[in-house]
Amino acid sequence: MFKNLLLYRIAPEWQATIEEIEEALEPERFVPCGATQPLSAGWVSPRGIAHAPLIEDVGGHWLLKLQVEQRVLPGSVVRRRVDELCERIEQETGRKPGKKVKNELKEQVTQELLPQAFTKQGATRVWIDVKQRLLMVDAGSVSKADELITLLVKCLPSLVVQLLQTAETPAACMAAWLSDGVPPAGFTVDRECELKSEDEMKSVVRYARHPLDIEEVRQHLAAGKRPTKLALTWRDRVSFLLTDTLSIKKIAFLDIVFEGRDKPSKDEAFDADAALATGELSQLLPDLIYGLGGEHDFAAAALQGVSLQLKKEPALPATATTAAGSEEPAPWD
């Protein structure tokens, strides 16, 4: 159900029921691209059933799904058509079209060709762990996750989230685990790693299917290279790749997780998969955060900063930026 996870902390004052979220998402239900529409994004049923609810509750874990459809119009095709029109204009007028005319032709050609373009679709899952007040996006990059968060905040303006940050940086912790060979309790270091230097050379060393408890790795660390990716396994149940930006990639559930489980019927598959994934990962994440020194206390840091500022001059009210980019009262106000 999840291959990647980016973690967001939900502000403590945000409260919403499933019914309220469903009602807020309904106007933004996915609609396929129109004939001349290059992109369309909207919410669909997590179960993949038409007209089914847009949010599902599986054991206190809320699941959503964003669908994106895009018309694929290669730039080379547009440029070739624009060149043809420019050549025709030059033959008819004796003058080469200027930049302004070329831009107008490009827009014209794009509108003409879009209805003929193929479409491609992609979907991104969202998981809200209500108990732990975490929102997780199954995206491979922060930019893609932020686009989804922006659309979600558009539907839920009171929602305030920020990327979860730990007290210790993942890079520093991964370097320590590789140096001393002692990962956090419950975790083992696997056989995949990427190390990058921080100097102008930006040298990269990658290990795949290779033991990492070797002197060569420690020498790279001593020379100033820092881990950007490290493969880990949690309690022999879940393997994943941790990055220096606290992204969790290549999530895979190991055989022990499926022992004693009957194969669900087609109608029960979604609930079974969701329960398994959220059940395992909701236990893994606190252990991982603890292993990274715990979560950075933004509230305490912000209050300390305001206190220090008040001693110097009157302070402006603390604010927090939502994913939509608007300024709203900070979660600790």
C-alpha atoms as a PDB file:
ATOM      1  CA  MET A   1       0.000   0.000   0.000  1.00  0.00           C
ATOM      2  CA  PHE A   2       2.903   2.378   0.699  1.00  0.00           C
ATOM      3  CA  LYS A   3       6.278   2.467  -1.045  1.00  0.00           C
ATOM      4  CA  ASN A   4       7.516   5.815   0.275  1.00  0.00           C
ATOM      5  CA  LEU A   5       6.608   8.066   3.192  1.00  0.00           C
ATOM      6  CA  LEU A   6       7.189  11.735   3.915  1.00  0.00           C
ATOM      7  CA  LEU A   7       6.186  12.671   7.452  1.00  0.00           C
ATOM      8  CA  TYR A   8       4.277  15.793   8.461  1.00  0.00           C
ATOM      9  CA  ARG A   9       3.325  16.850  11.981  1.00  0.00           C
ATOM     10  CA  ILE A  10      -0.273  18.028  12.343  1.00  0.00           C
ATOM     11  CA  ALA A  11      -0.787  21.085  14.532  1.00  0.00           C
ATOM     12  CA  PRO A  12      -2.390  20.145  17.868  1.00  0.00           C
ATOM     13  CA  GLU A  13      -5.409  22.434  17.524  1.00  0.00           C
ATOM     14  CA  TRP A  14      -6.629  20.921  14.245  1.00  0.00           C
ATOM     15  CA  GLN A  15      -9.778  18.873  14.725  1.00  0.00           C
ATOM     16  CA  ALA A  16     -12.006  17.395  12.033  1.00  0.00           C
ATOM     17  CA  THR A  17     -14.366  14.477  11.634  1.00  0.00           C
ATOM     18  CA  ILE A  18     -14.414  12.090   8.697  1.00  0.00           C
ATOM     19  CA  GLU A  19     -17.788  13.504   7.681  1.00  0.00           C
ATOM     20  CA  GLU A  20     -16.387  17.052   7.615  1.00  0.00           C
ATOM     21  CA  ILE A  21     -13.378  15.989   5.547  1.00  0.00           C
ATOM     22  CA  GLU A  22     -15.573  14.048   3.119  1.00  0.00           C
ATOM     23  CA  GLU A  23     -17.797  17.069   2.627  1.00  0.00           C
ATOM     24  CA  ALA A  24     -14.765  19.340   2.095  1.00  0.00           C
ATOM     25  CA  LEU A  25     -13.152  17.018  -0.467  1.00  0.00           C
ATOM     26  CA  GLU A  26     -16.288  16.351  -2.514  1.00  0.00           C
ATOM     27  CA  PRO A  27     -16.114  19.603  -4.579  1.00  0.00           C
ATOM     28  CA  GLU A  28     -12.555  18.631  -5.544  1.00  0.00           C
ATOM     29  CA  ARG A  29     -13.411  15.096  -6.663  1.00  0.00           C
ATOM     30  CA  PHE A  30     -11.278  14.078  -9.649  1.00  0.00           C
ATOM     31  CA  VAL A  31     -12.527  14.921 -13.132  1.00  0.00           C
ATOM     32  CA  PRO A  32     -10.571  13.773 -16.230  1.00  0.00           C
ATOM     33  CA  CYS A  33      -8.791  16.365 -18.367  1.00  0.00           C
ATOM     34  CA  GLY A  34     -10.911  18.316 -20.801  1.00  0.00           C
ATOM     35  CA  ALA A  35      -9.967  18.410 -24.479  1.00  0.00           C
ATOM     36  CA  THR A  36      -7.607  21.387 -24.087  1.00  0.00           C
ATOM     37  CA  GLN A  37      -6.805  20.956 -20.394  1.00  0.00           C
ATOM     38  CA  PRO A  38      -3.141  20.006 -19.816  1.00  0.00           C
ATOM     39  CA  LEU A  39      -3.552  18.838 -16.215  1.00  0.00           C
ATOM     40  CA  SER A  40      -6.296  17.759 -13.834  1.00  0.00           C
ATOM     41  CA  ALA A  41      -5.972  16.774 -10.173  1.00  0.00           C
ATOM     42  CA  GLY A  42      -8.602  15.694  -7.688  1.00  0.00           C
ATOM     43  CA  TRP A  43      -9.531  13.222  -4.962  1.00  0.00           C
ATOM     44  CA  VAL A  44     -10.708   9.694  -5.684  1.00  0.00           C
ATOM     45  CA  SER A  45     -11.833   6.783  -3.557  1.00  0.00           C
ATOM     46  CA  PRO A  46      -8.880   5.076  -1.812  1.00  0.00           C
ATOM     47  CA  ARG A  47     -10.592   1.772  -2.599  1.00  0.00           C
ATOM     48  CA  GLY A  48     -10.557   2.508  -6.310  1.00  0.00           C
ATOM     49  CA  ILE A  49     -14.340   2.270  -6.577  1.00  0.00           C
ATOM     50  CA  ALA A  50     -16.230   4.945  -8.473  1.00  0.00           C
ATOM     51  CA  HIS A  51     -18.442   7.190  -6.336  1.00  0.00           C
ATOM     52  CA  ALA A  52     -17.201   5.531  -3.114  1.00  0.00           C
ATOM     53  CA  PRO A  53     -16.220   7.706  -0.103  1.00  0.00           C
ATOM     54  CA  LEU A  54     -13.140   9.891  -0.565  1.00  0.00           C
ATOM     55  CA  ILE A  55     -11.795   9.065   2.901  1.00  0.00           C
ATOM     56  CA  GLU A  56     -11.632   5.649   4.543  1.00  0.00           C
ATOM     57  CA  ASP A  57     -11.191   4.833   8.229  1.00  0.00           C
ATOM     58  CA  VAL A  58      -9.316   1.593   8.889  1.00  0.00           C
ATOM     59  CA  GLY A  59      -8.773   1.070  12.598  1.00  0.00           C
ATOM     60  CA  GLY A  60      -8.405   4.777  13.361  1.00  0.00           C
ATOM     61  CA  HIS A  61      -6.148   5.397  10.367  1.00  0.00           C
ATOM     62  CA  TRP A  62      -7.593   7.705   7.710  1.00  0.00           C
ATOM     63  CA  LEU A  63      -6.690   7.087   4.076  1.00  0.00           C
ATOM     64  CA  LEU A  64      -7.088   9.389   1.075  1.00  0.00           C
ATOM     65  CA  LYS A  65      -5.941   9.269  -2.526  1.00  0.00           C
ATOM     66  CA  LEU A  66      -5.137  12.058  -4.977  1.00  0.00           C
ATOM     67  CA  GLN A  67      -5.391  11.323  -8.694  1.00  0.00           C
ATOM     68  CA  VAL A  68      -3.550  13.371 -11.321  1.00  0.00           C
ATOM     69  CA  GLU A  69      -4.074  13.184 -15.063  1.00  0.00           C
ATOM     70  CA  GLN A  70      -1.800  14.957 -17.519  1.00  0.00           C
ATOM     71  CA  ARG A  71      -1.866  15.316 -21.278  1.00  0.00           C
ATOM     72  CA  VAL A  72       1.492  14.327 -22.740  1.00  0.00           C
ATOM     73  CA  LEU A  73       2.484  16.782 -25.437  1.00  0.00           C
ATOM     74  CA  PRO A  74       6.207  16.498 -26.296  1.00  0.00           C
ATOM     75  CA  GLY A  75       7.972  19.815 -26.645  1.00  0.00           C
ATOM     76  CA  SER A  76       9.688  18.597 -29.812  1.00  0.00           C
ATOM     77  CA  VAL A  77       6.307  18.163 -31.510  1.00  0.00           C
ATOM     78  CA  VAL A  78       5.241  21.702 -30.578  1.00  0.00           C
ATOM     79  CA  ARG A  79       8.567  23.182 -31.732  1.00  0.00           C
ATOM     80  CA  ARG A  80       8.393  21.389 -35.080  1.00  0.00           C
ATOM     81  CA  ARG A  81       4.885  22.697 -35.737  1.00  0.00           C
ATOM     82  CA  VAL A  82       5.890  26.233 -34.683  1.00  0.00           C
ATOM     83  CA  ASP A  83       8.907  26.107 -37.013  1.00  0.00           C
ATOM     84  CA  GLU A  84       6.638  25.072 -39.886  1.00  0.00           C
ATOM     85  CA  LEU A  85       4.316  28.017 -39.259  1.00  0.00           C
ATOM     86  CA  CYS A  86       7.237  30.430 -38.905  1.00  0.00           C
ATOM     87  CA  GLU A  87       8.666  29.252 -42.209  1.00  0.00           C
ATOM     88  CA  ARG A  88       5.285  29.751 -43.910  1.00  0.00           C
ATOM     89  CA  ILE A  89       4.986  33.283 -42.491  1.00  0.00           C
ATOM     90  CA  GLU A  90       8.498  34.121 -43.687  1.00  0.00           C
ATOM     91  CA  GLN A  91       7.695  32.895 -47.190  1.00  0.00           C
ATOM     92  CA  GLU A  92       4.474  34.899 -47.299  1.00  0.00           C
ATOM     93  CA  THR A  93       5.784  38.143 -45.754  1.00  0.00           C
ATOM     94  CA  GLY A  94       9.512  37.990 -46.396  1.00  0.00           C
ATOM     95  CA  ARG A  95      10.207  38.564 -42.693  1.00  0.00           C
ATOM     96  CA  LYS A  96      11.113  36.174 -39.912  1.00  0.00           C
ATOM     97  CA  PRO A  97       8.598  36.164 -37.027  1.00  0.00           C
ATOM     98  CA  GLY A  98       9.854  37.840 -33.852  1.00  0.00           C
ATOM     99  CA  LYS A  99       9.898  36.443 -30.344  1.00  0.00           C
ATOM    100  CA  LYS A 100       6.423  37.731 -29.497  1.00  0.00           C
ATOM    101  CA  VAL A 101       4.906  36.117 -32.604  1.00  0.00           C
ATOM    102  CA  LYS A 102       6.684  32.830 -31.874  1.00  0.00           C
ATOM    103  CA  ASN A 103       5.290  32.769 -28.332  1.00  0.00           C
ATOM    104  CA  GLU A 104       1.784  33.395 -29.675  1.00  0.00           C
ATOM    105  CA  LEU A 105       2.240  30.620 -32.222  1.00  0.00           C
ATOM    106  CA  LYS A 106       3.446  28.275 -29.489  1.00  0.00           C
ATOM    107  CA  GLU A 107       0.286  28.902 -27.435  1.00  0.00           C
ATOM    108  CA  GLN A 108      -1.859  28.443 -30.549  1.00  0.00           C
ATOM    109  CA  VAL A 109      -0.155  25.176 -31.498  1.00  0.00           C
ATOM    110  CA  THR A 110      -0.415  23.852 -27.955  1.00  0.00           C
ATOM    111  CA  GLN A 111      -4.170  24.437 -27.886  1.00  0.00           C
ATOM    112  CA  GLU A 112      -4.531  22.786 -31.303  1.00  0.00           C
ATOM    113  CA  LEU A 113      -2.520  19.683 -30.399  1.00  0.00           C
ATOM    114  CA  LEU A 114      -3.706  19.079 -26.817  1.00  0.00           C
ATOM    115  CA  PRO A 115      -6.949  17.303 -27.830  1.00  0.00           C
ATOM    116  CA  GLN A 116      -4.841  14.793 -29.785  1.00  0.00           C
ATOM    117  CA  ALA A 117      -2.362  14.175 -26.952  1.00  0.00           C
ATOM    118  CA  PHE A 118      -2.354  10.996 -24.914  1.00  0.00           C
ATOM    119  CA  THR A 119      -3.050  11.215 -21.185  1.00  0.00           C
ATOM    120  CA  LYS A 120      -1.221   9.569 -18.322  1.00  0.00           C
ATOM    121  CA  GLN A 121      -2.475   9.126 -14.782  1.00  0.00           C
ATOM    122  CA  GLY A 122      -0.799   8.795 -11.425  1.00  0.00           C
ATOM    123  CA  ALA A 123      -2.074   8.540  -7.871  1.00  0.00           C
ATOM    124  CA  THR A 124      -0.630   9.460  -4.479  1.00  0.00           C
ATOM    125  CA  ARG A 125      -1.865   8.015  -1.205  1.00  0.00           C
ATOM    126  CA  VAL A 126      -2.248   9.980   2.017  1.00  0.00           C
ATOM    127  CA  TRP A 127      -2.329   8.417   5.471  1.00  0.00           C
ATOM    128  CA  ILE A 128      -3.428  10.310   8.572  1.00  0.00           C
ATOM    129  CA  ASP A 129      -2.525   8.601  11.831  1.00  0.00           C
ATOM    130  CA  VAL A 130      -5.142  10.228  14.039  1.00  0.00           C
ATOM    131  CA  LYS A 131      -3.702   8.976  17.328  1.00  0.00           C
ATOM    132  CA  GLN A 132      -0.130  10.083  16.635  1.00  0.00           C
ATOM    133  CA  ARG A 133      -1.258  13.234  14.759  1.00  0.00           C
ATOM    134  CA  LEU A 134       0.935  12.442  11.795  1.00  0.00           C
ATOM    135  CA  LEU A 135       0.106  13.002   8.146  1.00  0.00           C
ATOM    136  CA  MET A 136       2.113  10.902   5.695  1.00  0.00           C
ATOM    137  CA  VAL A 137       2.351  11.180   1.928  1.00  0.00           C
ATOM    138  CA  ASP A 138       3.430   8.295  -0.293  1.00  0.00           C
ATOM    139  CA  ALA A 139       5.655  10.469  -2.493  1.00  0.00           C
ATOM    140  CA  GLY A 140       9.228  10.158  -3.668  1.00  0.00           C
ATOM    141  CA  SER A 141      10.065  13.850  -3.289  1.00  0.00           C
ATOM    142  CA  VAL A 142       9.207  16.745  -0.989  1.00  0.00           C
ATOM    143  CA  SER A 143       8.110  18.888  -3.948  1.00  0.00           C
ATOM    144  CA  LYS A 144       5.522  16.317  -5.038  1.00  0.00           C
ATOM    145  CA  ALA A 145       4.287  15.920  -1.463  1.00  0.00           C
ATOM    146  CA  ASP A 146       4.046  19.688  -1.017  1.00  0.00           C
ATOM    147  CA  GLU A 147       1.869  19.964  -4.125  1.00  0.00           C
ATOM    148  CA  LEU A 148      -0.518  17.435  -2.610  1.00  0.00           C
ATOM    149  CA  ILE A 149      -0.477  19.210   0.760  1.00  0.00           C
ATOM    150  CA  THR A 150      -1.329  22.477  -1.002  1.00  0.00           C
ATOM    151  CA  LEU A 151      -4.402  20.876  -2.591  1.00  0.00           C
ATOM    152  CA  LEU A 152      -5.419  19.323   0.721  1.00  0.00           C
ATOM    153  CA  VAL A 153      -5.112  22.630   2.587  1.00  0.00           C
ATOM    154  CA  LYS A 154      -7.221  24.232  -0.142  1.00  0.00           C
ATOM    155  CA  CYS A 155     -10.029  21.875   0.904  1.00  0.00           C
ATOM    156  CA  LEU A 156      -9.214  22.066   4.632  1.00  0.00           C
ATOM    157  CA  PRO A 157      -8.055  25.660   5.295  1.00  0.00           C
ATOM    158  CA  SER A 158      -7.720  25.069   9.048  1.00  0.00           C
ATOM    159  CA  LEU A 159      -5.199  22.272   8.522  1.00  0.00           C
ATOM    160  CA  VAL A 160      -1.659  23.296   9.525  1.00  0.00           C
ATOM    161  CA  VAL A 161       1.198  20.861   8.980  1.00  0.00           C
ATOM    162  CA  GLN A 162       4.966  21.010   8.836  1.00  0.00           C
ATOM    163  CA  LEU A 163       7.578  18.481   7.846  1.00  0.00           C
ATOM    164  CA  LEU A 164       8.561  16.445  10.864  1.00  0.00           C
ATOM    165  CA  GLN A 165      12.107  17.153  12.027  1.00  0.00           C
ATOM    166  CA  THR A 166      14.120  15.165  14.531  1.00  0.00           C
ATOM    167  CA  ALA A 167      16.469  16.478  17.201  1.00  0.00           C
ATOM    168  CA  GLU A 168      19.438  14.860  15.438  1.00  0.00           C
ATOM    169  CA  THR A 169      19.845  14.980  11.681  1.00  0.00           C
ATOM    170  CA  PRO A 170      19.408  11.648   9.883  1.00  0.00           C
ATOM    171  CA  ALA A 171      22.821  12.107   8.205  1.00  0.00           C
ATOM    172  CA  ALA A 172      24.626  12.488  11.543  1.00  0.00           C
ATOM    173  CA  CYS A 173      22.826   9.487  13.041  1.00  0.00           C
ATOM    174  CA  MET A 174      23.426   7.280   9.997  1.00  0.00           C
ATOM    175  CA  ALA A 175      27.126   8.191  10.097  1.00  0.00           C
ATOM    176  CA  ALA A 176      27.292   7.180  13.766  1.00  0.00           C
ATOM    177  CA  TRP A 177      25.516   3.872  13.117  1.00  0.00           C
ATOM    178  CA  LEU A 178      27.943   3.051  10.309  1.00  0.00           C
ATOM    179  CA  SER A 179      30.985   4.109  12.324  1.00  0.00           C
ATOM    180  CA  ASP A 180      30.299   2.178  15.506  1.00  0.00           C
ATOM    181  CA  GLY A 181      28.076  -0.528  14.015  1.00  0.00           C
ATOM    182  CA  VAL A 182      25.353   0.112  16.617  1.00  0.00           C
ATOM    183  CA  PRO A 183      21.993   1.155  15.120  1.00  0.00           C
ATOM    184  CA  PRO A 184      18.996   2.020  17.360  1.00  0.00           C
ATOM    185  CA  ALA A 185      17.292  -0.770  19.271  1.00  0.00           C
ATOM    186  CA  GLY A 186      15.122  -2.867  16.984  1.00  0.00           C
ATOM    187  CA  PHE A 187      16.948  -1.869  13.789  1.00  0.00           C
ATOM    188  CA  THR A 188      19.649  -3.564  11.750  1.00  0.00           C
ATOM    189  CA  VAL A 189      21.800  -2.029   9.030  1.00  0.00           C
ATOM    190  CA  ASP A 190      21.303  -3.712   5.653  1.00  0.00           C
ATOM    191  CA  ARG A 191      23.494  -3.802   2.556  1.00  0.00           C
ATOM    192  CA  GLU A 192      22.748  -0.566   0.721  1.00  0.00           C
ATOM    193  CA  CYS A 193      24.192   2.891   1.322  1.00  0.00           C
ATOM    194  CA  GLU A 194      25.078   6.144  -0.420  1.00  0.00           C
ATOM    195  CA  LEU A 195      27.813   8.489   0.805  1.00  0.00           C
ATOM    196  CA  LYS A 196      28.455  12.007  -0.513  1.00  0.00           C
ATOM    197  CA  SER A 197      31.244  14.474   0.150  1.00  0.00           C
ATOM    198  CA  GLU A 198      30.348  18.022   1.176  1.00  0.00           C
ATOM    199  CA  ASP A 199      33.230  19.719  -0.680  1.00  0.00           C
ATOM    200  CA  GLU A 200      33.161  21.209  -4.166  1.00  0.00           C
ATOM    201  CA  MET A 201      33.892  17.814  -5.743  1.00  0.00           C
ATOM    202  CA  LYS A 202      30.552  16.360  -4.533  1.00  0.00           C
ATOM    203  CA  SER A 203      32.005  12.853  -4.750  1.00  0.00           C
ATOM    204  CA  VAL A 204      29.528   9.979  -4.412  1.00  0.00           C
ATOM    205  CA  VAL A 205      30.134   6.414  -3.276  1.00  0.00           C
ATOM    206  CA  ARG A 206      27.331   3.850  -3.506  1.00  0.00           C
ATOM    207  CA  TYR A 207      27.143   0.370  -2.047  1.00  0.00           C
ATOM    208  CA  ALA A 208      24.518  -2.117  -3.186  1.00  0.00           C
ATOM    209  CA  ARG A 209      24.171  -5.681  -1.907  1.00  0.00           C
ATOM    210  CA  HIS A 210      27.426  -5.121  -0.043  1.00  0.00           C
ATOM    211  CA  PRO A 211      28.351  -5.439   3.657  1.00  0.00           C
ATOM    212  CA  LEU A 212      28.753  -2.019   5.273  1.00  0.00           C
ATOM    213  CA  ASP A 213      30.602  -2.980   8.470  1.00  0.00           C
ATOM    214  CA  ILE A 214      33.948  -2.637   6.713  1.00  0.00           C
ATOM    215  CA  GLU A 215      36.953  -0.352   7.157  1.00  0.00           C
ATOM    216  CA  GLU A 216      36.464   1.197   3.717  1.00  0.00           C
ATOM    217  CA  VAL A 217      33.136   2.712   4.750  1.00  0.00           C
ATOM    218  CA  ARG A 218      34.636   4.101   7.953  1.00  0.00           C
ATOM    219  CA  GLN A 219      37.474   5.643   5.940  1.00  0.00           C
ATOM    220  CA  HIS A 220      34.995   7.412   3.682  1.00  0.00           C
ATOM    221  CA  LEU A 221      33.234   8.796   6.756  1.00  0.00           C
ATOM    222  CA  ALA A 222      36.538   9.910   8.268  1.00  0.00           C
ATOM    223  CA  ALA A 223      37.362  11.666   4.966  1.00  0.00           C
ATOM    224  CA  GLY A 224      34.241  13.805   5.299  1.00  0.00           C
ATOM    225  CA  LYS A 225      31.632  11.920   3.298  1.00  0.00           C
ATOM    226  CA  ARG A 226      28.172  11.812   4.835  1.00  0.00           C
ATOM    227  CA  PRO A 227      25.416   9.212   4.385  1.00  0.00           C
ATOM    228  CA  THR A 228      22.498  10.357   2.271  1.00  0.00           C
ATOM    229  CA  LYS A 229      20.798   6.934   2.074  1.00  0.00           C
ATOM    230  CA  LEU A 230      20.981   3.873   4.295  1.00  0.00           C
ATOM    231  CA  ALA A 231      19.023   0.624   4.125  1.00  0.00           C
ATOM    232  CA  LEU A 232      17.583  -0.581   7.434  1.00  0.00           C
ATOM    233  CA  THR A 233      15.334  -3.339   8.703  1.00  0.00           C
ATOM    234  CA  TRP A 234      13.010  -2.944  11.683  1.00  0.00           C
ATOM    235  CA  ARG A 235      12.500  -5.985  13.946  1.00  0.00           C
ATOM    236  CA  ASP A 236      12.898  -8.343  10.961  1.00  0.00           C
ATOM    237  CA  ARG A 237       9.463  -7.161   9.798  1.00  0.00           C
ATOM    238  CA  VAL A 238       9.909  -4.112   7.566  1.00  0.00           C
ATOM    239  CA  SER A 239      12.840  -3.065   5.407  1.00  0.00           C
ATOM    240  CA  PHE A 240      13.253   0.451   4.033  1.00  0.00           C
ATOM    241  CA  LEU A 241      15.722   3.074   2.848  1.00  0.00           C
ATOM    242  CA  LEU A 242      16.226   6.102   5.101  1.00  0.00           C
ATOM    243  CA  THR A 243      17.435   9.356   3.495  1.00  0.00           C
ATOM    244  CA  ASP A 244      19.163  12.403   4.940  1.00  0.00           C
ATOM    245  CA  THR A 245      15.918  14.388   4.459  1.00  0.00           C
ATOM    246  CA  LEU A 246      13.976  11.928   6.646  1.00  0.00           C
ATOM    247  CA  SER A 247      12.240  10.392   3.644  1.00  0.00           C
ATOM    248  CA  ILE A 248      11.420   6.709   3.936  1.00  0.00           C
ATOM    249  CA  LYS A 249      11.736   4.868   0.635  1.00  0.00           C
ATOM    250  CA  LYS A 250      11.542   1.326  -0.746  1.00  0.00           C
ATOM    251  CA  ILE A 251       9.241   0.107   2.046  1.00  0.00           C
ATOM    252  CA  ALA A 252       8.896  -3.677   1.971  1.00  0.00           C
ATOM    253  CA  PHE A 253       7.096  -5.964   4.401  1.00  0.00           C
ATOM    254  CA  LEU A 254       9.025  -9.154   5.133  1.00  0.00           C
ATOM    255  CA  ASP A 255       7.690 -12.706   5.244  1.00  0.00           C
ATOM    256  CA  ILE A 256       7.224 -12.788   9.016  1.00  0.00           C
ATOM    257  CA  VAL A 257       4.543 -10.090   8.726  1.00  0.00           C
ATOM    258  CA  PHE A 258       2.363 -12.395   6.615  1.00  0.00           C
ATOM    259  CA  GLU A 259       2.756 -15.538   8.722  1.00  0.00           C
ATOM    260  CA  GLY A 260      -0.561 -16.828  10.038  1.00  0.00           C
ATOM    261  CA  ARG A 261      -2.584 -14.488   7.837  1.00  0.00           C
ATOM    262  CA  ASP A 262      -5.216 -15.956   5.547  1.00  0.00           C
ATOM    263  CA  LYS A 263      -5.345 -14.617   2.032  1.00  0.00           C
ATOM    264  CA  PRO A 264      -8.184 -12.077   2.022  1.00  0.00           C
ATOM    265  CA  SER A 265     -10.987 -12.189  -0.496  1.00  0.00           C
ATOM    266  CA  LYS A 266     -11.137  -9.554  -3.187  1.00  0.00           C
ATOM    267  CA  ASP A 267     -13.690  -7.529  -1.219  1.00  0.00           C
ATOM    268  CA  GLU A 268     -11.544  -7.640   1.924  1.00  0.00           C
ATOM    269  CA  ALA A 269      -8.171  -6.990   0.262  1.00  0.00           C
ATOM    270  CA  PHE A 270      -8.159  -3.209   0.755  1.00  0.00           C
ATOM    271  CA  ASP A 271      -8.968  -3.389   4.474  1.00  0.00           C
ATOM    272  CA  ALA A 272      -6.461  -6.196   5.029  1.00  0.00           C
ATOM    273  CA  ASP A 273      -3.661  -4.382   3.193  1.00  0.00           C
ATOM    274  CA  ALA A 274      -4.415  -1.092   4.922  1.00  0.00           C
ATOM    275  CA  ALA A 275      -4.566  -2.693   8.376  1.00  0.00           C
ATOM    276  CA  LEU A 276      -1.280  -4.511   7.811  1.00  0.00           C
ATOM    277  CA  ALA A 277       0.575  -1.467   6.460  1.00  0.00           C
ATOM    278  CA  THR A 278      -0.673   1.053   9.002  1.00  0.00           C
ATOM    279  CA  GLY A 279      -0.356  -1.422  11.874  1.00  0.00           C
ATOM    280  CA  GLU A 280       3.318  -2.139  11.168  1.00  0.00           C
ATOM    281  CA  LEU A 281       4.392   1.354  10.181  1.00  0.00           C
ATOM    282  CA  SER A 282       2.616   3.069  13.084  1.00  0.00           C
ATOM    283  CA  GLN A 283       4.897   1.059  15.399  1.00  0.00           C
ATOM    284  CA  LEU A 284       8.028   1.520  13.294  1.00  0.00           C
ATOM    285  CA  LEU A 285       7.837   5.318  13.058  1.00  0.00           C
ATOM    286  CA  PRO A 286       8.028   6.092  16.810  1.00  0.00           C
ATOM    287  CA  ASP A 287      11.031   3.764  17.108  1.00  0.00           C
ATOM    288  CA  LEU A 288      12.739   5.498  14.183  1.00  0.00           C
ATOM    289  CA  ILE A 289      12.037   8.986  15.536  1.00  0.00           C
ATOM    290  CA  TYR A 290      13.361   7.914  18.937  1.00  0.00           C
ATOM    291  CA  GLY A 291      16.482   6.519  17.268  1.00  0.00           C
ATOM    292  CA  LEU A 292      17.043   9.931  15.654  1.00  0.00           C
ATOM    293  CA  GLY A 293      17.071  11.677  19.018  1.00  0.00           C
ATOM    294  CA  GLY A 294      13.333  12.271  19.270  1.00  0.00           C
ATOM    295  CA  GLU A 295      11.253  14.922  17.550  1.00  0.00           C
ATOM    296  CA  HIS A 296      12.487  18.503  17.466  1.00  0.00           C
ATOM    297  CA  ASP A 297      10.335  20.530  19.839  1.00  0.00           C
ATOM    298  CA  PHE A 298       9.208  23.424  17.645  1.00  0.00           C
ATOM    299  CA  ALA A 299       6.823  24.744  20.253  1.00  0.00           C
ATOM    300  CA  ALA A 300       9.489  25.058  22.939  1.00  0.00           C
ATOM    301  CA  ALA A 301      11.969  26.585  20.502  1.00  0.00           C
ATOM    302  CA  ALA A 302       9.436  29.116  19.269  1.00  0.00           C
ATOM    303  CA  LEU A 303       8.353  30.119  22.775  1.00  0.00           C
ATOM    304  CA  GLN A 304      11.983  30.520  23.821  1.00  0.00           C
ATOM    305  CA  GLY A 305      12.615  32.705  20.777  1.00  0.00           C
ATOM    306  CA  VAL A 306       9.583  34.889  21.542  1.00  0.00           C
ATOM    307  CA  SER A 307      10.686  35.199  25.179  1.00  0.00           C
ATOM    308  CA  LEU A 308      14.145  36.372  24.170  1.00  0.00           C
ATOM    309  CA  GLN A 309      12.687  38.822  21.675  1.00  0.00           C
ATOM    310  CA  LEU A 310      10.331  40.316  24.268  1.00  0.00           C
ATOM    311  CA  LYS A 311      13.323  41.225  26.406  1.00  0.00           C
ATOM    312  CA  LYS A 312      14.669  43.331  23.528  1.00  0.00           C
ATOM    313  CA  GLU A 313      11.563  44.751  21.859  1.00  0.00           C
ATOM    314  CA  PRO A 314       7.850  44.014  21.418  1.00  0.00           C
ATOM    315  CA  ALA A 315       7.411  40.869  19.340  1.00  0.00           C
ATOM    316  CA  LEU A 316       4.995  40.253  16.529  1.00  0.00           C
ATOM    317  CA  PRO A 317       2.590  37.334  17.029  1.00  0.00           C
ATOM    318  CA  ALA A 318       4.176  33.994  16.166  1.00  0.00           C
ATOM    319  CA  THR A 319       2.979  32.556  12.889  1.00  0.00           C
ATOM    320  CA  ALA A 320       3.253  29.281  11.036  1.00  0.00           C
ATOM    321  CA  THR A 321       3.131  28.832   7.294  1.00  0.00           C
ATOM    322  CA  THR A 322       0.676  26.339   5.918  1.00  0.00           C
ATOM    323  CA  ALA A 323       1.432  24.215   2.884  1.00  0.00           C
ATOM    324  CA  ALA A 324      -0.648  26.670   0.885  1.00  0.00           C
ATOM    325  CA  GLY A 325       1.801  29.451   1.800  1.00  0.00           C
ATOM    326  CA  SER A 326      -0.624  31.573   3.877  1.00  0.00           C
ATOM    327  CA  GLU A 327       0.207  32.905   7.305  1.00  0.00           C
ATOM    328  CA  GLU A 328      -1.931  31.467  10.086  1.00  0.00           C
ATOM    329  CA  PRO A 329      -1.608  31.384  13.902  1.00  0.00           C
ATOM    330  CA  ALA A 330       1.178  29.068  14.915  1.00  0.00           C
ATOM    331  CA  PRO A 331       0.156  25.657  16.300  1.00  0.00           C
ATOM    332  CA  TRP A 332       1.595  26.529  19.679  1.00  0.00           C
ATOM    333  CA  ASP A 333      -0.429  29.781  20.076  1.00  0.00           C
END
